[in-house]
Amino acid sequence: MNLPAEMRRGLGLSGSGRVILTQDANGIRITTADQALKRVQALAAPFIQGRGSVVDEFIAERRAEAVREDVEAEGNERG
């Protein structure tokens, strides 16, 4: 689809770029992939603020589990 240069500039596109077309009760909306990503990040932000890395959290849980398993195994060997 070819968009007029003025519209591309308004969307922040230089040259060719990907756009997302959605239709709602108000008509057709054109957004760029970057705009859509920023919107999703803004919507998700309240749910992840203050949390560290999910990967770091997972690694910490696995390490704690390994320690518990080691303690349990030592207890079984002694008695």
PDB file of N, CA and C in Angstrom:
ATOM      1  N   MET A   1       0.846  -1.160   0.000  1.00  0.00           N
ATOM      2  CA  MET A   1       0.000   0.000   0.000  1.00  0.00           C
ATOM      3  C   MET A   1       0.895   1.228   0.000  1.00  0.00           C
ATOM      4  N   ASN A   2       0.568   2.189  -0.792  1.00  0.00           N
ATOM      5  CA  ASN A   2       1.323   3.435  -0.838  1.00  0.00           C
ATOM      6  C   ASN A   2       0.604   4.501  -0.024  1.00  0.00           C
ATOM      7  N   LEU A   3       1.326   5.091   0.901  1.00  0.00           N
ATOM      8  CA  LEU A   3       0.777   6.191   1.690  1.00  0.00           C
ATOM      9  C   LEU A   3       1.388   7.487   1.202  1.00  0.00           C
ATOM     10  N   PRO A   4       0.620   8.549   1.183  1.00  0.00           N
ATOM     11  CA  PRO A   4       1.173   9.843   0.785  1.00  0.00           C
ATOM     12  C   PRO A   4       2.332  10.245   1.699  1.00  0.00           C
ATOM     13  N   ALA A   5       3.279  10.995   1.150  1.00  0.00           N
ATOM     14  CA  ALA A   5       4.466  11.406   1.901  1.00  0.00           C
ATOM     15  C   ALA A   5       4.098  12.135   3.181  1.00  0.00           C
ATOM     16  N   GLU A   6       3.098  12.984   3.128  1.00  0.00           N
ATOM     17  CA  GLU A   6       2.684  13.737   4.320  1.00  0.00           C
ATOM     18  C   GLU A   6       2.206  12.793   5.427  1.00  0.00           C
ATOM     19  N   MET A   7       1.487  11.753   5.055  1.00  0.00           N
ATOM     20  CA  MET A   7       1.000  10.783   6.022  1.00  0.00           C
ATOM     21  C   MET A   7       2.170   9.972   6.600  1.00  0.00           C
ATOM     22  N   ARG A   8       3.114   9.576   5.744  1.00  0.00           N
ATOM     23  CA  ARG A   8       4.295   8.836   6.219  1.00  0.00           C
ATOM     24  C   ARG A   8       5.072   9.679   7.225  1.00  0.00           C
ATOM     25  N   ARG A   9       5.256  10.970   6.904  1.00  0.00           N
ATOM     26  CA  ARG A   9       5.960  11.857   7.838  1.00  0.00           C
ATOM     27  C   ARG A   9       5.202  11.954   9.160  1.00  0.00           C
ATOM     28  N   GLY A  10       3.897  12.066   9.080  1.00  0.00           N
ATOM     29  CA  GLY A  10       3.070  12.149  10.285  1.00  0.00           C
ATOM     30  C   GLY A  10       3.190  10.918  11.166  1.00  0.00           C
ATOM     31  N   LEU A  11       3.418   9.785  10.544  1.00  0.00           N
ATOM     32  CA  LEU A  11       3.598   8.538  11.281  1.00  0.00           C
ATOM     33  C   LEU A  11       5.048   8.323  11.715  1.00  0.00           C
ATOM     34  N   GLY A  12       5.933   9.179  11.249  1.00  0.00           N
ATOM     35  CA  GLY A  12       7.347   9.034  11.592  1.00  0.00           C
ATOM     36  C   GLY A  12       8.060   8.012  10.736  1.00  0.00           C
ATOM     37  N   LEU A  13       7.507   7.702   9.577  1.00  0.00           N
ATOM     38  CA  LEU A  13       8.129   6.732   8.674  1.00  0.00           C
ATOM     39  C   LEU A  13       9.010   7.457   7.670  1.00  0.00           C
ATOM     40  N   SER A  14      10.169   6.891   7.419  1.00  0.00           N
ATOM     41  CA  SER A  14      11.010   7.420   6.347  1.00  0.00           C
ATOM     42  C   SER A  14      11.173   6.303   5.330  1.00  0.00           C
ATOM     43  N   GLY A  15      10.828   6.585   4.116  1.00  0.00           N
ATOM     44  CA  GLY A  15      10.864   5.545   3.096  1.00  0.00           C
ATOM     45  C   GLY A  15       9.743   4.550   3.345  1.00  0.00           C
ATOM     46  N   SER A  16      10.033   3.292   3.145  1.00  0.00           N
ATOM     47  CA  SER A  16       9.014   2.271   3.382  1.00  0.00           C
ATOM     48  C   SER A  16       9.051   1.858   4.850  1.00  0.00           C
ATOM     49  N   GLY A  17       7.988   1.328   5.310  1.00  0.00           N
ATOM     50  CA  GLY A  17       7.912   0.861   6.689  1.00  0.00           C
ATOM     51  C   GLY A  17       6.639   0.061   6.883  1.00  0.00           C
ATOM     52  N   ARG A  18       6.569  -0.632   7.979  1.00  0.00           N
ATOM     53  CA  ARG A  18       5.389  -1.452   8.257  1.00  0.00           C
ATOM     54  C   ARG A  18       4.382  -0.650   9.068  1.00  0.00           C
ATOM     55  N   VAL A  19       3.130  -0.806   8.684  1.00  0.00           N
ATOM     56  CA  VAL A  19       2.051  -0.163   9.419  1.00  0.00           C
ATOM     57  C   VAL A  19       1.009  -1.221   9.768  1.00  0.00           C
ATOM     58  N   ILE A  20       0.226  -0.907  10.773  1.00  0.00           N
ATOM     59  CA  ILE A  20      -0.843  -1.790  11.212  1.00  0.00           C
ATOM     60  C   ILE A  20      -2.155  -1.045  11.011  1.00  0.00           C
ATOM     61  N   LEU A  21      -3.074  -1.676  10.302  1.00  0.00           N
ATOM     62  CA  LEU A  21      -4.394  -1.093  10.077  1.00  0.00           C
ATOM     63  C   LEU A  21      -5.388  -1.808  10.975  1.00  0.00           C
ATOM     64  N   THR A  22      -6.155  -1.034  11.735  1.00  0.00           N
ATOM     65  CA  THR A  22      -7.221  -1.610  12.551  1.00  0.00           C
ATOM     66  C   THR A  22      -8.493  -0.828  12.282  1.00  0.00           C
ATOM     67  N   GLN A  23      -9.592  -1.523  12.383  1.00  0.00           N
ATOM     68  CA  GLN A  23     -10.877  -0.870  12.174  1.00  0.00           C
ATOM     69  C   GLN A  23     -11.688  -0.963  13.445  1.00  0.00           C
ATOM     70  N   ASP A  24     -12.261   0.164  13.849  1.00  0.00           N
ATOM     71  CA  ASP A  24     -13.143   0.193  15.008  1.00  0.00           C
ATOM     72  C   ASP A  24     -14.369   1.034  14.675  1.00  0.00           C
ATOM     73  N   ALA A  25     -15.149   1.367  15.660  1.00  0.00           N
ATOM     74  CA  ALA A  25     -16.384   2.123  15.433  1.00  0.00           C
ATOM     75  C   ALA A  25     -16.120   3.507  14.844  1.00  0.00           C
ATOM     76  N   ASN A  26     -14.917   4.034  15.046  1.00  0.00           N
ATOM     77  CA  ASN A  26     -14.570   5.368  14.552  1.00  0.00           C
ATOM     78  C   ASN A  26     -13.965   5.352  13.153  1.00  0.00           C
ATOM     79  N   GLY A  27     -13.714   4.186  12.610  1.00  0.00           N
ATOM     80  CA  GLY A  27     -13.133   4.100  11.271  1.00  0.00           C
ATOM     81  C   GLY A  27     -11.866   3.266  11.270  1.00  0.00           C
ATOM     82  N   ILE A  28     -10.964   3.588  10.351  1.00  0.00           N
ATOM     83  CA  ILE A  28      -9.713   2.845  10.209  1.00  0.00           C
ATOM     84  C   ILE A  28      -8.589   3.639  10.866  1.00  0.00           C
ATOM     85  N   ARG A  29      -7.792   2.953  11.653  1.00  0.00           N
ATOM     86  CA  ARG A  29      -6.672   3.573  12.356  1.00  0.00           C
ATOM     87  C   ARG A  29      -5.371   2.998  11.791  1.00  0.00           C
ATOM     88  N   ILE A  30      -4.407   3.862  11.536  1.00  0.00           N
ATOM     89  CA  ILE A  30      -3.095   3.456  11.029  1.00  0.00           C
ATOM     90  C   ILE A  30      -2.064   3.751  12.100  1.00  0.00           C
ATOM     91  N   THR A  31      -1.310   2.727  12.494  1.00  0.00           N
ATOM     92  CA  THR A  31      -0.216   2.912  13.448  1.00  0.00           C
ATOM     93  C   THR A  31       1.014   2.181  12.924  1.00  0.00           C
ATOM     94  N   THR A  32       2.164   2.595  13.390  1.00  0.00           N
ATOM     95  CA  THR A  32       3.392   1.896  13.022  1.00  0.00           C
ATOM     96  C   THR A  32       3.628   0.761  14.004  1.00  0.00           C
ATOM     97  N   ALA A  33       4.487  -0.148  13.627  1.00  0.00           N
ATOM     98  CA  ALA A  33       4.839  -1.246  14.524  1.00  0.00           C
ATOM     99  C   ALA A  33       5.483  -0.697  15.795  1.00  0.00           C
ATOM    100  N   ASP A  34       6.314   0.333  15.680  1.00  0.00           N
ATOM    101  CA  ASP A  34       6.948   0.943  16.858  1.00  0.00           C
ATOM    102  C   ASP A  34       5.908   1.545  17.790  1.00  0.00           C
ATOM    103  N   GLN A  35       4.907   2.222  17.236  1.00  0.00           N
ATOM    104  CA  GLN A  35       3.852   2.801  18.060  1.00  0.00           C
ATOM    105  C   GLN A  35       3.066   1.708  18.783  1.00  0.00           C
ATOM    106  N   ALA A  36       2.783   0.622  18.083  1.00  0.00           N
ATOM    107  CA  ALA A  36       2.053  -0.494  18.689  1.00  0.00           C
ATOM    108  C   ALA A  36       2.867  -1.117  19.820  1.00  0.00           C
ATOM    109  N   LEU A  37       4.165  -1.284  19.602  1.00  0.00           N
ATOM    110  CA  LEU A  37       5.024  -1.853  20.636  1.00  0.00           C
ATOM    111  C   LEU A  37       5.063  -0.956  21.870  1.00  0.00           C
ATOM    112  N   LYS A  38       5.195   0.348  21.672  1.00  0.00           N
ATOM    113  CA  LYS A  38       5.215   1.284  22.805  1.00  0.00           C
ATOM    114  C   LYS A  38       3.907   1.235  23.575  1.00  0.00           C
ATOM    115  N   ARG A  39       2.806   1.084  22.861  1.00  0.00           N
ATOM    116  CA  ARG A  39       1.500   0.995  23.537  1.00  0.00           C
ATOM    117  C   ARG A  39       1.410  -0.268  24.381  1.00  0.00           C
ATOM    118  N   VAL A  40       1.845  -1.378  23.849  1.00  0.00           N
ATOM    119  CA  VAL A  40       1.820  -2.632  24.604  1.00  0.00           C
ATOM    120  C   VAL A  40       2.728  -2.534  25.831  1.00  0.00           C
ATOM    121  N   GLN A  41       3.917  -1.945  25.671  1.00  0.00           N
ATOM    122  CA  GLN A  41       4.827  -1.779  26.804  1.00  0.00           C
ATOM    123  C   GLN A  41       4.199  -0.891  27.875  1.00  0.00           C
ATOM    124  N   ALA A  42       3.516   0.175  27.469  1.00  0.00           N
ATOM    125  CA  ALA A  42       2.860   1.065  28.426  1.00  0.00           C
ATOM    126  C   ALA A  42       1.730   0.346  29.159  1.00  0.00           C
ATOM    127  N   LEU A  43       0.993  -0.493  28.444  1.00  0.00           N
ATOM    128  CA  LEU A  43      -0.089  -1.242  29.079  1.00  0.00           C
ATOM    129  C   LEU A  43       0.446  -2.281  30.061  1.00  0.00           C
ATOM    130  N   ALA A  44       1.595  -2.882  29.749  1.00  0.00           N
ATOM    131  CA  ALA A  44       2.171  -3.922  30.609  1.00  0.00           C
ATOM    132  C   ALA A  44       2.967  -3.357  31.780  1.00  0.00           C
ATOM    133  N   ALA A  45       3.439  -2.120  31.674  1.00  0.00           N
ATOM    134  CA  ALA A  45       4.331  -1.526  32.682  1.00  0.00           C
ATOM    135  C   ALA A  45       3.797  -1.624  34.112  1.00  0.00           C
ATOM    136  N   PRO A  46       2.527  -1.329  34.381  1.00  0.00           N
ATOM    137  CA  PRO A  46       2.059  -1.404  35.771  1.00  0.00           C
ATOM    138  C   PRO A  46       2.162  -2.800  36.382  1.00  0.00           C
ATOM    139  N   PHE A  47       2.185  -3.806  35.548  1.00  0.00           N
ATOM    140  CA  PHE A  47       2.226  -5.173  36.047  1.00  0.00           C
ATOM    141  C   PHE A  47       3.637  -5.675  36.317  1.00  0.00           C
ATOM    142  N   ILE A  48       4.655  -4.969  35.805  1.00  0.00           N
ATOM    143  CA  ILE A  48       6.022  -5.442  35.970  1.00  0.00           C
ATOM    144  C   ILE A  48       6.910  -4.473  36.723  1.00  0.00           C
ATOM    145  N   GLN A  49       6.387  -3.302  37.104  1.00  0.00           N
ATOM    146  CA  GLN A  49       7.219  -2.326  37.793  1.00  0.00           C
ATOM    147  C   GLN A  49       7.682  -2.884  39.133  1.00  0.00           C
ATOM    148  N   GLY A  50       8.922  -2.583  39.459  1.00  0.00           N
ATOM    149  CA  GLY A  50       9.479  -2.998  40.732  1.00  0.00           C
ATOM    150  C   GLY A  50       9.988  -4.422  40.759  1.00  0.00           C
ATOM    151  N   ARG A  51       9.743  -5.169  39.715  1.00  0.00           N
ATOM    152  CA  ARG A  51      10.221  -6.544  39.680  1.00  0.00           C
ATOM    153  C   ARG A  51      11.557  -6.574  38.970  1.00  0.00           C
ATOM    154  N   GLY A  52      12.386  -7.490  39.402  1.00  0.00           N
ATOM    155  CA  GLY A  52      13.659  -7.681  38.733  1.00  0.00           C
ATOM    156  C   GLY A  52      13.459  -8.521  37.487  1.00  0.00           C
ATOM    157  N   SER A  53      14.534  -9.003  36.998  1.00  0.00           N
ATOM    158  CA  SER A  53      14.498  -9.847  35.820  1.00  0.00           C
ATOM    159  C   SER A  53      13.792 -11.160  36.138  1.00  0.00           C
ATOM    160  N   VAL A  54      12.898 -11.570  35.274  1.00  0.00           N
ATOM    161  CA  VAL A  54      12.209 -12.844  35.450  1.00  0.00           C
ATOM    162  C   VAL A  54      13.216 -13.985  35.417  1.00  0.00           C
ATOM    163  N   VAL A  55      14.234 -13.860  34.595  1.00  0.00           N
ATOM    164  CA  VAL A  55      15.266 -14.891  34.498  1.00  0.00           C
ATOM    165  C   VAL A  55      16.033 -14.981  35.816  1.00  0.00           C
ATOM    166  N   ASP A  56      16.416 -13.835  36.389  1.00  0.00           N
ATOM    167  CA  ASP A  56      17.128 -13.842  37.668  1.00  0.00           C
ATOM    168  C   ASP A  56      16.266 -14.456  38.767  1.00  0.00           C
ATOM    169  N   GLU A  57      14.972 -14.141  38.745  1.00  0.00           N
ATOM    170  CA  GLU A  57      14.046 -14.703  39.732  1.00  0.00           C
ATOM    171  C   GLU A  57      13.975 -16.223  39.587  1.00  0.00           C
ATOM    172  N   PHE A  58      13.902 -16.715  38.365  1.00  0.00           N
ATOM    173  CA  PHE A  58      13.842 -18.154  38.113  1.00  0.00           C
ATOM    174  C   PHE A  58      15.116 -18.839  38.597  1.00  0.00           C
ATOM    175  N   ILE A  59      16.268 -18.252  38.288  1.00  0.00           N
ATOM    176  CA  ILE A  59      17.547 -18.839  38.705  1.00  0.00           C
ATOM    177  C   ILE A  59      17.633 -18.888  40.230  1.00  0.00           C
ATOM    178  N   ALA A  60      17.198 -17.838  40.910  1.00  0.00           N
ATOM    179  CA  ALA A  60      17.224 -17.818  42.377  1.00  0.00           C
ATOM    180  C   ALA A  60      16.332 -18.916  42.945  1.00  0.00           C
ATOM    181  N   GLU A  61      15.157 -19.097  42.352  1.00  0.00           N
ATOM    182  CA  GLU A  61      14.260 -20.169  42.815  1.00  0.00           C
ATOM    183  C   GLU A  61      14.883 -21.538  42.618  1.00  0.00           C
ATOM    184  N   ARG A  62      15.519 -21.757  41.474  1.00  0.00           N
ATOM    185  CA  ARG A  62      16.148 -23.062  41.205  1.00  0.00           C
ATOM    186  C   ARG A  62      17.306 -23.319  42.166  1.00  0.00           C
ATOM    187  N   ARG A  63      18.094 -22.285  42.477  1.00  0.00           N
ATOM    188  CA  ARG A  63      19.206 -22.444  43.418  1.00  0.00           C
ATOM    189  C   ARG A  63      18.686 -22.791  44.803  1.00  0.00           C
ATOM    190  N   ALA A  64      17.626 -22.108  45.239  1.00  0.00           N
ATOM    191  CA  ALA A  64      17.043 -22.398  46.550  1.00  0.00           C
ATOM    192  C   ALA A  64      16.510 -23.824  46.585  1.00  0.00           C
ATOM    193  N   GLU A  65      15.906 -24.274  45.518  1.00  0.00           N
ATOM    194  CA  GLU A  65      15.399 -25.639  45.440  1.00  0.00           C
ATOM    195  C   GLU A  65      16.544 -26.649  45.501  1.00  0.00           C
ATOM    196  N   ALA A  66      17.652 -26.354  44.834  1.00  0.00           N
ATOM    197  CA  ALA A  66      18.809 -27.250  44.851  1.00  0.00           C
ATOM    198  C   ALA A  66      19.378 -27.365  46.266  1.00  0.00           C
ATOM    199  N   VAL A  67      19.419 -26.253  46.984  1.00  0.00           N
ATOM    200  CA  VAL A  67      19.912 -26.281  48.371  1.00  0.00           C
ATOM    201  C   VAL A  67      18.988 -27.148  49.223  1.00  0.00           C
ATOM    202  N   ARG A  68      17.672 -26.977  49.074  1.00  0.00           N
ATOM    203  CA  ARG A  68      16.722 -27.800  49.835  1.00  0.00           C
ATOM    204  C   ARG A  68      16.906 -29.280  49.520  1.00  0.00           C
ATOM    205  N   GLU A  69      17.110 -29.595  48.248  1.00  0.00           N
ATOM    206  CA  GLU A  69      17.316 -30.996  47.863  1.00  0.00           C
ATOM    207  C   GLU A  69      18.602 -31.547  48.457  1.00  0.00           C
ATOM    208  N   ASP A  70      19.671 -30.751  48.487  1.00  0.00           N
ATOM    209  CA  ASP A  70      20.939 -31.186  49.080  1.00  0.00           C
ATOM    210  C   ASP A  70      20.775 -31.462  50.571  1.00  0.00           C
ATOM    211  N   VAL A  71      20.073 -30.574  51.276  1.00  0.00           N
ATOM    212  CA  VAL A  71      19.855 -30.750  52.711  1.00  0.00           C
ATOM    213  C   VAL A  71      19.030 -31.999  52.960  1.00  0.00           C
ATOM    214  N   GLU A  72      18.010 -32.204  52.155  1.00  0.00           N
ATOM    215  CA  GLU A  72      17.157 -33.379  52.293  1.00  0.00           C
ATOM    216  C   GLU A  72      17.951 -34.659  52.024  1.00  0.00           C
ATOM    217  N   ALA A  73      18.807 -34.651  51.014  1.00  0.00           N
ATOM    218  CA  ALA A  73      19.620 -35.827  50.684  1.00  0.00           C
ATOM    219  C   ALA A  73      20.593 -36.143  51.799  1.00  0.00           C
ATOM    220  N   GLU A  74      21.200 -35.119  52.406  1.00  0.00           N
ATOM    221  CA  GLU A  74      22.114 -35.342  53.534  1.00  0.00           C
ATOM    222  C   GLU A  74      21.385 -35.948  54.708  1.00  0.00           C
ATOM    223  N   GLY A  75      20.166 -35.484  54.957  1.00  0.00           N
ATOM    224  CA  GLY A  75      19.359 -36.030  56.045  1.00  0.00           C
ATOM    225  C   GLY A  75      19.012 -37.490  55.819  1.00  0.00           C
ATOM    226  N   ASN A  76      18.742 -37.875  54.596  1.00  0.00           N
ATOM    227  CA  ASN A  76      18.407 -39.252  54.257  1.00  0.00           C
ATOM    228  C   ASN A  76      19.620 -40.153  54.382  1.00  0.00           C
ATOM    229  N   GLU A  77      20.825 -39.626  54.082  1.00  0.00           N
ATOM    230  CA  GLU A  77      22.038 -40.428  54.183  1.00  0.00           C
ATOM    231  C   GLU A  77      22.391 -40.711  55.634  1.00  0.00           C
ATOM    232  N   ARG A  78      22.084 -39.776  56.517  1.00  0.00           N
ATOM    233  CA  ARG A  78      22.433 -39.930  57.941  1.00  0.00           C
ATOM    234  C   ARG A  78      21.428 -40.803  58.676  1.00  0.00           C
ATOM    235  N   GLY A  79      20.266 -40.889  58.138  1.00  0.00           N
ATOM    236  CA  GLY A  79      19.451 -41.605  58.914  1.00  0.00           C
ATOM    237  C   GLY A  79      18.279 -42.275  58.876  1.00  0.00           C
TER     238      GLY A  79
END
